[in-house]
All heavy atoms as atom14 arrays in JSON, in Angstrom:
{
  "sequence": "QLFAKIERNIINESKDNNIMVKLKLSILELLVTINELYEFLIKE",
  "atom14_mask": [
    [1, 1, 1, 1, 1, 1, 1, 1, 1, 0, 0, 0, 0, 0],
    [1, 1, 1, 1, 1, 1, 1, 1, 0, 0, 0, 0, 0, 0],
    [1, 1, 1, 1, 1, 1, 1, 1, 1, 1, 1, 0, 0, 0],
    [1, 1, 1, 1, 1, 0, 0, 0, 0, 0, 0, 0, 0, 0],
    [1, 1, 1, 1, 1, 1, 1, 1, 1, 0, 0, 0, 0, 0],
    [1, 1, 1, 1, 1, 1, 1, 1, 0, 0, 0, 0, 0, 0],
    [1, 1, 1, 1, 1, 1, 1, 1, 1, 0, 0, 0, 0, 0],
    [1, 1, 1, 1, 1, 1, 1, 1, 1, 1, 1, 0, 0, 0],
    [1, 1, 1, 1, 1, 1, 1, 1, 0, 0, 0, 0, 0, 0],
    [1, 1, 1, 1, 1, 1, 1, 1, 0, 0, 0, 0, 0, 0],
    [1, 1, 1, 1, 1, 1, 1, 1, 0, 0, 0, 0, 0, 0],
    [1, 1, 1, 1, 1, 1, 1, 1, 0, 0, 0, 0, 0, 0],
    [1, 1, 1, 1, 1, 1, 1, 1, 1, 0, 0, 0, 0, 0],
    [1, 1, 1, 1, 1, 1, 0, 0, 0, 0, 0, 0, 0, 0],
    [1, 1, 1, 1, 1, 1, 1, 1, 1, 0, 0, 0, 0, 0],
    [1, 1, 1, 1, 1, 1, 1, 1, 0, 0, 0, 0, 0, 0],
    [1, 1, 1, 1, 1, 1, 1, 1, 0, 0, 0, 0, 0, 0],
    [1, 1, 1, 1, 1, 1, 1, 1, 0, 0, 0, 0, 0, 0],
    [1, 1, 1, 1, 1, 1, 1, 1, 0, 0, 0, 0, 0, 0],
    [1, 1, 1, 1, 1, 1, 1, 1, 0, 0, 0, 0, 0, 0],
    [1, 1, 1, 1, 1, 1, 1, 0, 0, 0, 0, 0, 0, 0],
    [1, 1, 1, 1, 1, 1, 1, 1, 1, 0, 0, 0, 0, 0],
    [1, 1, 1, 1, 1, 1, 1, 1, 0, 0, 0, 0, 0, 0],
    [1, 1, 1, 1, 1, 1, 1, 1, 1, 0, 0, 0, 0, 0],
    [1, 1, 1, 1, 1, 1, 1, 1, 0, 0, 0, 0, 0, 0],
    [1, 1, 1, 1, 1, 1, 0, 0, 0, 0, 0, 0, 0, 0],
    [1, 1, 1, 1, 1, 1, 1, 1, 0, 0, 0, 0, 0, 0],
    [1, 1, 1, 1, 1, 1, 1, 1, 0, 0, 0, 0, 0, 0],
    [1, 1, 1, 1, 1, 1, 1, 1, 1, 0, 0, 0, 0, 0],
    [1, 1, 1, 1, 1, 1, 1, 1, 0, 0, 0, 0, 0, 0],
    [1, 1, 1, 1, 1, 1, 1, 1, 0, 0, 0, 0, 0, 0],
    [1, 1, 1, 1, 1, 1, 1, 0, 0, 0, 0, 0, 0, 0],
    [1, 1, 1, 1, 1, 1, 1, 0, 0, 0, 0, 0, 0, 0],
    [1, 1, 1, 1, 1, 1, 1, 1, 0, 0, 0, 0, 0, 0],
    [1, 1, 1, 1, 1, 1, 1, 1, 0, 0, 0, 0, 0, 0],
    [1, 1, 1, 1, 1, 1, 1, 1, 1, 0, 0, 0, 0, 0],
    [1, 1, 1, 1, 1, 1, 1, 1, 0, 0, 0, 0, 0, 0],
    [1, 1, 1, 1, 1, 1, 1, 1, 1, 1, 1, 1, 0, 0],
    [1, 1, 1, 1, 1, 1, 1, 1, 1, 0, 0, 0, 0, 0],
    [1, 1, 1, 1, 1, 1, 1, 1, 1, 1, 1, 0, 0, 0],
    [1, 1, 1, 1, 1, 1, 1, 1, 0, 0, 0, 0, 0, 0],
    [1, 1, 1, 1, 1, 1, 1, 1, 0, 0, 0, 0, 0, 0],
    [1, 1, 1, 1, 1, 1, 1, 1, 1, 0, 0, 0, 0, 0],
    [1, 1, 1, 1, 1, 1, 1, 1, 1, 0, 0, 0, 0, 0]
  ],
  "atom14_positions": [
    [[173.88, 185.27, 111.0], [173.17, 186.33, 110.28], [174.03, 186.89, 109.14], [173.53, 187.19, 108.06], [172.78, 187.46, 111.24], [171.61, 187.12, 112.15], [171.28, 188.24, 113.12], [171.98, 189.25, 113.19], [170.22, 188.07, 113.9], [0.0, 0.0, 0.0], [0.0, 0.0, 0.0], [0.0, 0.0, 0.0], [0.0, 0.0, 0.0], [0.0, 0.0, 0.0]],
    [[175.34, 187.01, 109.4], [176.25, 187.51, 108.37], [176.42, 186.5, 107.24], [176.49, 186.86, 106.07], [177.59, 187.87, 109.0], [177.55, 189.06, 109.97], [178.89, 189.23, 110.68], [177.19, 190.34, 109.24], [0.0, 0.0, 0.0], [0.0, 0.0, 0.0], [0.0, 0.0, 0.0], [0.0, 0.0, 0.0], [0.0, 0.0, 0.0], [0.0, 0.0, 0.0]],
    [[176.5, 185.22, 107.59], [176.53, 184.18, 106.55], [175.24, 184.21, 105.72], [175.27, 184.05, 104.49], [176.72, 182.8, 107.16], [178.15, 182.4, 107.36], [178.68, 182.22, 108.62], [178.98, 182.17, 106.26], [180.01, 181.83, 108.8], [180.31, 181.8, 106.42], [180.82, 181.62, 107.69], [0.0, 0.0, 0.0], [0.0, 0.0, 0.0], [0.0, 0.0, 0.0]],
    [[174.12, 184.41, 106.39], [172.83, 184.47, 105.69], [172.81, 185.65, 104.71], [172.24, 185.56, 103.61], [171.69, 184.6, 106.69], [0.0, 0.0, 0.0], [0.0, 0.0, 0.0], [0.0, 0.0, 0.0], [0.0, 0.0, 0.0], [0.0, 0.0, 0.0], [0.0, 0.0, 0.0], [0.0, 0.0, 0.0], [0.0, 0.0, 0.0], [0.0, 0.0, 0.0]],
    [[173.43, 186.75, 105.09], [173.5, 187.93, 104.22], [174.33, 187.61, 102.97], [173.96, 187.99, 101.85], [174.12, 189.09, 104.99], [174.09, 190.42, 104.27], [174.61, 191.52, 105.2], [174.57, 192.88, 104.52], [175.07, 193.95, 105.43], [0.0, 0.0, 0.0], [0.0, 0.0, 0.0], [0.0, 0.0, 0.0], [0.0, 0.0, 0.0], [0.0, 0.0, 0.0]],
    [[175.44, 186.91, 103.17], [176.27, 186.48, 102.03], [175.45, 185.57, 101.12], [175.46, 185.72, 99.89], [177.53, 185.75, 102.54], [178.45, 186.73, 103.27], [178.27, 185.07, 101.39], [179.59, 186.06, 104.02], [0.0, 0.0, 0.0], [0.0, 0.0, 0.0], [0.0, 0.0, 0.0], [0.0, 0.0, 0.0], [0.0, 0.0, 0.0], [0.0, 0.0, 0.0]],
    [[174.72, 184.66, 101.72], [173.91, 183.71, 100.95], [172.84, 184.42, 100.13], [172.61, 184.08, 98.97], [173.28, 182.7, 101.92], [172.71, 181.47, 101.25], [172.42, 180.38, 102.28], [173.34, 179.98, 103.02], [171.26, 179.94, 102.33], [0.0, 0.0, 0.0], [0.0, 0.0, 0.0], [0.0, 0.0, 0.0], [0.0, 0.0, 0.0], [0.0, 0.0, 0.0]],
    [[172.19, 185.42, 100.73], [171.16, 186.17, 99.99], [171.75, 186.88, 98.78], [171.15, 186.91, 97.7], [170.49, 187.2, 100.91], [169.52, 186.6, 101.91], [168.62, 187.67, 102.51], [169.39, 188.7, 103.21], [169.75, 188.62, 104.49], [169.43, 187.55, 105.21], [170.43, 189.61, 105.05], [0.0, 0.0, 0.0], [0.0, 0.0, 0.0], [0.0, 0.0, 0.0]],
    [[172.94, 187.44, 98.94], [173.59, 188.13, 97.82], [173.93, 187.17, 96.69], [173.86, 187.51, 95.51], [174.85, 188.84, 98.3], [174.54, 190.12, 99.06], [173.58, 190.82, 98.73], [175.33, 190.44, 100.06], [0.0, 0.0, 0.0], [0.0, 0.0, 0.0], [0.0, 0.0, 0.0], [0.0, 0.0, 0.0], [0.0, 0.0, 0.0], [0.0, 0.0, 0.0]],
    [[174.31, 185.94, 97.05], [174.6, 184.93, 96.02], [173.32, 184.51, 95.31], [173.28, 184.41, 94.08], [175.3, 183.72, 96.66], [176.68, 184.11, 97.2], [175.45, 182.6, 95.63], [177.39, 183.02, 97.96], [0.0, 0.0, 0.0], [0.0, 0.0, 0.0], [0.0, 0.0, 0.0], [0.0, 0.0, 0.0], [0.0, 0.0, 0.0], [0.0, 0.0, 0.0]],
    [[172.27, 184.26, 96.08], [170.99, 183.82, 95.5], [170.45, 184.87, 94.53], [169.87, 184.54, 93.49], [169.96, 183.54, 96.62], [170.39, 182.31, 97.43], [168.57, 183.32, 96.03], [169.56, 182.09, 98.67], [0.0, 0.0, 0.0], [0.0, 0.0, 0.0], [0.0, 0.0, 0.0], [0.0, 0.0, 0.0], [0.0, 0.0, 0.0], [0.0, 0.0, 0.0]],
    [[170.65, 186.15, 94.85], [170.1, 187.23, 94.02], [170.98, 187.6, 92.83], [170.77, 188.61, 92.19], [169.9, 188.49, 94.88], [168.79, 188.28, 95.91], [167.86, 187.53, 95.67], [168.92, 188.95, 97.04], [0.0, 0.0, 0.0], [0.0, 0.0, 0.0], [0.0, 0.0, 0.0], [0.0, 0.0, 0.0], [0.0, 0.0, 0.0], [0.0, 0.0, 0.0]],
    [[171.98, 186.75, 92.56], [172.93, 187.07, 91.49], [172.25, 187.43, 90.18], [172.59, 188.42, 89.53], [173.87, 185.88, 91.27], [174.83, 186.1, 90.12], [175.61, 184.84, 89.77], [175.3, 183.78, 90.33], [176.5, 184.95, 88.93], [0.0, 0.0, 0.0], [0.0, 0.0, 0.0], [0.0, 0.0, 0.0], [0.0, 0.0, 0.0], [0.0, 0.0, 0.0]],
    [[171.26, 186.65, 89.77], [170.64, 186.86, 88.46], [169.78, 188.12, 88.42], [169.42, 188.59, 87.36], [169.79, 185.63, 88.09], [168.77, 185.45, 89.06], [0.0, 0.0, 0.0], [0.0, 0.0, 0.0], [0.0, 0.0, 0.0], [0.0, 0.0, 0.0], [0.0, 0.0, 0.0], [0.0, 0.0, 0.0], [0.0, 0.0, 0.0], [0.0, 0.0, 0.0]],
    [[169.45, 188.67, 89.6], [168.57, 189.82, 89.65], [169.32, 191.14, 89.83], [168.73, 192.2, 89.76], [167.58, 189.66, 90.82], [166.74, 188.39, 90.74], [165.9, 188.22, 91.99], [165.13, 186.91, 91.97], [164.36, 186.7, 93.22], [0.0, 0.0, 0.0], [0.0, 0.0, 0.0], [0.0, 0.0, 0.0], [0.0, 0.0, 0.0], [0.0, 0.0, 0.0]],
    [[170.62, 191.05, 90.08], [171.36, 192.26, 90.42], [172.74, 192.22, 89.77], [173.56, 191.35, 90.08], [171.49, 192.35, 91.95], [171.99, 193.72, 92.4], [172.6, 194.43, 91.58], [171.76, 194.05, 93.57], [0.0, 0.0, 0.0], [0.0, 0.0, 0.0], [0.0, 0.0, 0.0], [0.0, 0.0, 0.0], [0.0, 0.0, 0.0], [0.0, 0.0, 0.0]],
    [[173.0, 193.17, 88.88], [174.29, 193.21, 88.19], [175.43, 193.61, 89.1], [176.6, 193.45, 88.76], [174.21, 194.18, 87.0], [173.28, 193.69, 85.92], [173.14, 192.48, 85.72], [172.64, 194.61, 85.23], [0.0, 0.0, 0.0], [0.0, 0.0, 0.0], [0.0, 0.0, 0.0], [0.0, 0.0, 0.0], [0.0, 0.0, 0.0], [0.0, 0.0, 0.0]],
    [[175.12, 194.16, 90.26], [176.16, 194.6, 91.19], [176.43, 193.56, 92.27], [176.93, 193.88, 93.35], [175.74, 195.92, 91.85], [175.58, 197.03, 90.84], [176.42, 197.2, 89.96], [174.49, 197.77, 90.94], [0.0, 0.0, 0.0], [0.0, 0.0, 0.0], [0.0, 0.0, 0.0], [0.0, 0.0, 0.0], [0.0, 0.0, 0.0], [0.0, 0.0, 0.0]],
    [[176.15, 192.29, 91.98], [176.24, 191.24, 92.98], [177.63, 191.14, 93.6], [177.76, 190.99, 94.81], [175.83, 189.87, 92.38], [175.93, 188.75, 93.43], [176.65, 189.52, 91.17], [175.05, 188.92, 94.61], [0.0, 0.0, 0.0], [0.0, 0.0, 0.0], [0.0, 0.0, 0.0], [0.0, 0.0, 0.0], [0.0, 0.0, 0.0], [0.0, 0.0, 0.0]],
    [[178.69, 191.23, 92.8], [180.02, 191.04, 93.36], [180.39, 192.14, 94.34], [181.07, 191.88, 95.34], [181.06, 190.96, 92.24], [181.09, 189.63, 91.51], [181.24, 188.17, 92.6], [182.85, 188.43, 93.31], [0.0, 0.0, 0.0], [0.0, 0.0, 0.0], [0.0, 0.0, 0.0], [0.0, 0.0, 0.0], [0.0, 0.0, 0.0], [0.0, 0.0, 0.0]],
    [[179.93, 193.36, 94.09], [180.18, 194.45, 95.03], [179.47, 194.17, 96.35], [180.06, 194.26, 97.44], [179.73, 195.81, 94.46], [179.88, 196.91, 95.51], [180.54, 196.16, 93.21], [0.0, 0.0, 0.0], [0.0, 0.0, 0.0], [0.0, 0.0, 0.0], [0.0, 0.0, 0.0], [0.0, 0.0, 0.0], [0.0, 0.0, 0.0], [0.0, 0.0, 0.0]],
    [[178.2, 193.82, 96.26], [177.42, 193.53, 97.47], [177.98, 192.3, 98.19], [178.04, 192.27, 99.42], [175.96, 193.29, 97.1], [175.23, 194.53, 96.6], [173.78, 194.2, 96.31], [173.01, 195.45, 95.87], [171.59, 195.15, 95.61], [0.0, 0.0, 0.0], [0.0, 0.0, 0.0], [0.0, 0.0, 0.0], [0.0, 0.0, 0.0], [0.0, 0.0, 0.0]],
    [[178.39, 191.31, 97.43], [178.92, 190.09, 98.01], [180.22, 190.38, 98.76], [180.43, 189.92, 99.89], [179.15, 189.06, 96.91], [179.61, 187.66, 97.34], [178.67, 187.06, 98.38], [179.72, 186.76, 96.13], [0.0, 0.0, 0.0], [0.0, 0.0, 0.0], [0.0, 0.0, 0.0], [0.0, 0.0, 0.0], [0.0, 0.0, 0.0], [0.0, 0.0, 0.0]],
    [[181.1, 191.15, 98.13], [182.37, 191.5, 98.79], [182.13, 192.3, 100.06], [182.79, 192.06, 101.08], [183.27, 192.28, 97.83], [183.91, 191.44, 96.74], [184.83, 192.28, 95.88], [185.49, 191.45, 94.79], [186.38, 192.27, 93.94], [0.0, 0.0, 0.0], [0.0, 0.0, 0.0], [0.0, 0.0, 0.0], [0.0, 0.0, 0.0], [0.0, 0.0, 0.0]],
    [[181.2, 193.22, 100.02], [180.91, 194.03, 101.21], [180.38, 193.15, 102.35], [180.75, 193.36, 103.52], [179.9, 195.12, 100.88], [180.42, 196.28, 100.02], [179.28, 197.21, 99.62], [181.5, 197.07, 100.76], [0.0, 0.0, 0.0], [0.0, 0.0, 0.0], [0.0, 0.0, 0.0], [0.0, 0.0, 0.0], [0.0, 0.0, 0.0], [0.0, 0.0, 0.0]],
    [[179.54, 192.18, 102.03], [179.01, 191.31, 103.08], [180.1, 190.41, 103.65], [180.1, 190.12, 104.85], [177.84, 190.47, 102.54], [178.23, 189.68, 101.45], [0.0, 0.0, 0.0], [0.0, 0.0, 0.0], [0.0, 0.0, 0.0], [0.0, 0.0, 0.0], [0.0, 0.0, 0.0], [0.0, 0.0, 0.0], [0.0, 0.0, 0.0], [0.0, 0.0, 0.0]],
    [[181.05, 189.99, 102.81], [182.17, 189.18, 103.31], [183.09, 190.03, 104.18], [183.58, 189.58, 105.22], [182.95, 188.54, 102.14], [182.06, 187.51, 101.43], [184.23, 187.88, 102.64], [182.65, 186.96, 100.16], [0.0, 0.0, 0.0], [0.0, 0.0, 0.0], [0.0, 0.0, 0.0], [0.0, 0.0, 0.0], [0.0, 0.0, 0.0], [0.0, 0.0, 0.0]],
    [[183.33, 191.28, 103.77], [184.15, 192.18, 104.58], [183.54, 192.4, 105.96], [184.25, 192.44, 106.97], [184.32, 193.53, 103.86], [185.19, 193.53, 102.61], [185.18, 194.91, 101.95], [186.63, 193.14, 102.94], [0.0, 0.0, 0.0], [0.0, 0.0, 0.0], [0.0, 0.0, 0.0], [0.0, 0.0, 0.0], [0.0, 0.0, 0.0], [0.0, 0.0, 0.0]],
    [[182.22, 192.52, 106.0], [181.54, 192.69, 107.29], [181.76, 191.46, 108.17], [181.98, 191.58, 109.38], [180.04, 192.92, 107.05], [179.28, 193.29, 108.3], [177.81, 193.6, 108.04], [177.38, 193.54, 106.86], [177.09, 193.89, 109.01], [0.0, 0.0, 0.0], [0.0, 0.0, 0.0], [0.0, 0.0, 0.0], [0.0, 0.0, 0.0], [0.0, 0.0, 0.0]],
    [[181.71, 190.27, 107.57], [181.96, 189.04, 108.32], [183.4, 189.01, 108.83], [183.65, 188.66, 110.0], [181.7, 187.83, 107.43], [182.06, 186.46, 108.03], [181.21, 186.16, 109.27], [181.9, 185.35, 106.99], [0.0, 0.0, 0.0], [0.0, 0.0, 0.0], [0.0, 0.0, 0.0], [0.0, 0.0, 0.0], [0.0, 0.0, 0.0], [0.0, 0.0, 0.0]],
    [[184.37, 189.4, 107.99], [185.77, 189.38, 108.39], [186.04, 190.34, 109.55], [186.79, 190.02, 110.48], [186.66, 189.72, 107.2], [186.76, 188.66, 106.09], [187.54, 189.19, 104.91], [187.4, 187.38, 106.63], [0.0, 0.0, 0.0], [0.0, 0.0, 0.0], [0.0, 0.0, 0.0], [0.0, 0.0, 0.0], [0.0, 0.0, 0.0], [0.0, 0.0, 0.0]],
    [[185.44, 191.53, 109.5], [185.62, 192.5, 110.59], [185.06, 191.93, 111.89], [185.67, 192.05, 112.96], [184.95, 193.85, 110.25], [184.95, 194.77, 111.46], [185.67, 194.52, 109.09], [0.0, 0.0, 0.0], [0.0, 0.0, 0.0], [0.0, 0.0, 0.0], [0.0, 0.0, 0.0], [0.0, 0.0, 0.0], [0.0, 0.0, 0.0], [0.0, 0.0, 0.0]],
    [[183.91, 191.29, 111.81], [183.3, 190.7, 113.0], [184.18, 189.59, 113.57], [184.39, 189.5, 114.79], [181.91, 190.13, 112.65], [181.08, 191.2, 112.2], [181.26, 189.47, 113.86], [0.0, 0.0, 0.0], [0.0, 0.0, 0.0], [0.0, 0.0, 0.0], [0.0, 0.0, 0.0], [0.0, 0.0, 0.0], [0.0, 0.0, 0.0], [0.0, 0.0, 0.0]],
    [[184.72, 188.75, 112.7], [185.61, 187.68, 113.14], [186.85, 188.26, 113.81], [187.31, 187.77, 114.86], [186.0, 186.78, 111.96], [184.8, 185.93, 111.53], [187.18, 185.88, 112.3], [185.01, 185.15, 110.25], [0.0, 0.0, 0.0], [0.0, 0.0, 0.0], [0.0, 0.0, 0.0], [0.0, 0.0, 0.0], [0.0, 0.0, 0.0], [0.0, 0.0, 0.0]],
    [[187.42, 189.31, 113.22], [188.59, 189.96, 113.82], [188.28, 190.48, 115.22], [189.08, 190.35, 116.14], [189.07, 191.1, 112.93], [189.68, 190.61, 111.62], [190.01, 189.43, 111.49], [189.8, 191.49, 110.65], [0.0, 0.0, 0.0], [0.0, 0.0, 0.0], [0.0, 0.0, 0.0], [0.0, 0.0, 0.0], [0.0, 0.0, 0.0], [0.0, 0.0, 0.0]],
    [[187.11, 191.07, 115.37], [186.7, 191.6, 116.68], [186.59, 190.47, 117.71], [187.03, 190.62, 118.85], [185.36, 192.32, 116.56], [185.43, 193.65, 115.82], [184.05, 194.27, 115.63], [183.05, 193.57, 115.85], [183.99, 195.45, 115.25], [0.0, 0.0, 0.0], [0.0, 0.0, 0.0], [0.0, 0.0, 0.0], [0.0, 0.0, 0.0], [0.0, 0.0, 0.0]],
    [[186.0, 189.34, 117.28], [185.83, 188.21, 118.2], [187.18, 187.65, 118.63], [187.4, 187.34, 119.81], [184.99, 187.12, 117.53], [183.52, 187.47, 117.28], [182.86, 186.39, 116.42], [182.77, 187.62, 118.59], [0.0, 0.0, 0.0], [0.0, 0.0, 0.0], [0.0, 0.0, 0.0], [0.0, 0.0, 0.0], [0.0, 0.0, 0.0], [0.0, 0.0, 0.0]],
    [[188.12, 187.51, 117.68], [189.44, 187.0, 118.01], [190.2, 187.97, 118.91], [190.85, 187.57, 119.88], [190.24, 186.72, 116.74], [190.23, 185.26, 116.35], [189.2, 184.75, 115.57], [191.22, 184.4, 116.77], [189.17, 183.41, 115.22], [191.21, 183.06, 116.42], [190.18, 182.57, 115.65], [190.15, 181.24, 115.31], [0.0, 0.0, 0.0], [0.0, 0.0, 0.0]],
    [[190.14, 189.27, 118.58], [190.83, 190.27, 119.39], [190.33, 190.26, 120.83], [191.12, 190.31, 121.78], [190.64, 191.66, 118.78], [191.47, 191.9, 117.53], [191.1, 193.21, 116.84], [190.17, 193.88, 117.31], [191.76, 193.54, 115.83], [0.0, 0.0, 0.0], [0.0, 0.0, 0.0], [0.0, 0.0, 0.0], [0.0, 0.0, 0.0], [0.0, 0.0, 0.0]],
    [[189.01, 190.18, 120.99], [188.43, 190.18, 122.33], [188.89, 188.96, 123.13], [189.3, 189.08, 124.29], [186.9, 190.2, 122.24], [186.22, 190.11, 123.57], [186.11, 191.21, 124.4], [185.71, 188.89, 124.01], [185.5, 191.12, 125.64], [185.09, 188.8, 125.25], [184.98, 189.92, 126.06], [0.0, 0.0, 0.0], [0.0, 0.0, 0.0], [0.0, 0.0, 0.0]],
    [[188.83, 187.78, 122.5], [189.18, 186.57, 123.21], [190.66, 186.53, 123.55], [191.06, 186.1, 124.64], [188.78, 185.35, 122.39], [188.79, 184.01, 123.13], [187.93, 184.08, 124.39], [188.31, 182.9, 122.24], [0.0, 0.0, 0.0], [0.0, 0.0, 0.0], [0.0, 0.0, 0.0], [0.0, 0.0, 0.0], [0.0, 0.0, 0.0], [0.0, 0.0, 0.0]],
    [[191.51, 186.98, 122.64], [192.95, 186.99, 122.89], [193.3, 187.94, 124.03], [194.1, 187.62, 124.91], [193.72, 187.36, 121.6], [193.66, 186.19, 120.61], [195.17, 187.71, 121.91], [194.19, 186.49, 119.25], [0.0, 0.0, 0.0], [0.0, 0.0, 0.0], [0.0, 0.0, 0.0], [0.0, 0.0, 0.0], [0.0, 0.0, 0.0], [0.0, 0.0, 0.0]],
    [[192.68, 189.13, 124.05], [192.92, 190.06, 125.14], [192.41, 189.5, 126.47], [193.05, 189.64, 127.51], [192.23, 191.4, 124.84], [192.91, 192.22, 123.76], [192.13, 193.49, 123.46], [192.78, 194.26, 122.33], [191.99, 195.47, 121.95], [0.0, 0.0, 0.0], [0.0, 0.0, 0.0], [0.0, 0.0, 0.0], [0.0, 0.0, 0.0], [0.0, 0.0, 0.0]],
    [[191.27, 188.85, 126.4], [190.69, 188.26, 127.61], [191.61, 187.18, 128.17], [191.85, 187.1, 129.38], [189.32, 187.67, 127.27], [188.54, 187.2, 128.49], [187.18, 186.66, 128.09], [187.15, 185.64, 127.38], [186.16, 187.26, 128.46], [0.0, 0.0, 0.0], [0.0, 0.0, 0.0], [0.0, 0.0, 0.0], [0.0, 0.0, 0.0], [0.0, 0.0, 0.0]]
  ]
}
């Protein structure tokens, strides 16, 4: 779902001048989720 969000922001590039801000925010959300998954598994 997070990858799909990144993809939507890329596809909408021509329609939105703020694409890079939205794109970076969606990537940050993915990175935080990945960090959570790794932290949980390592602790487990």
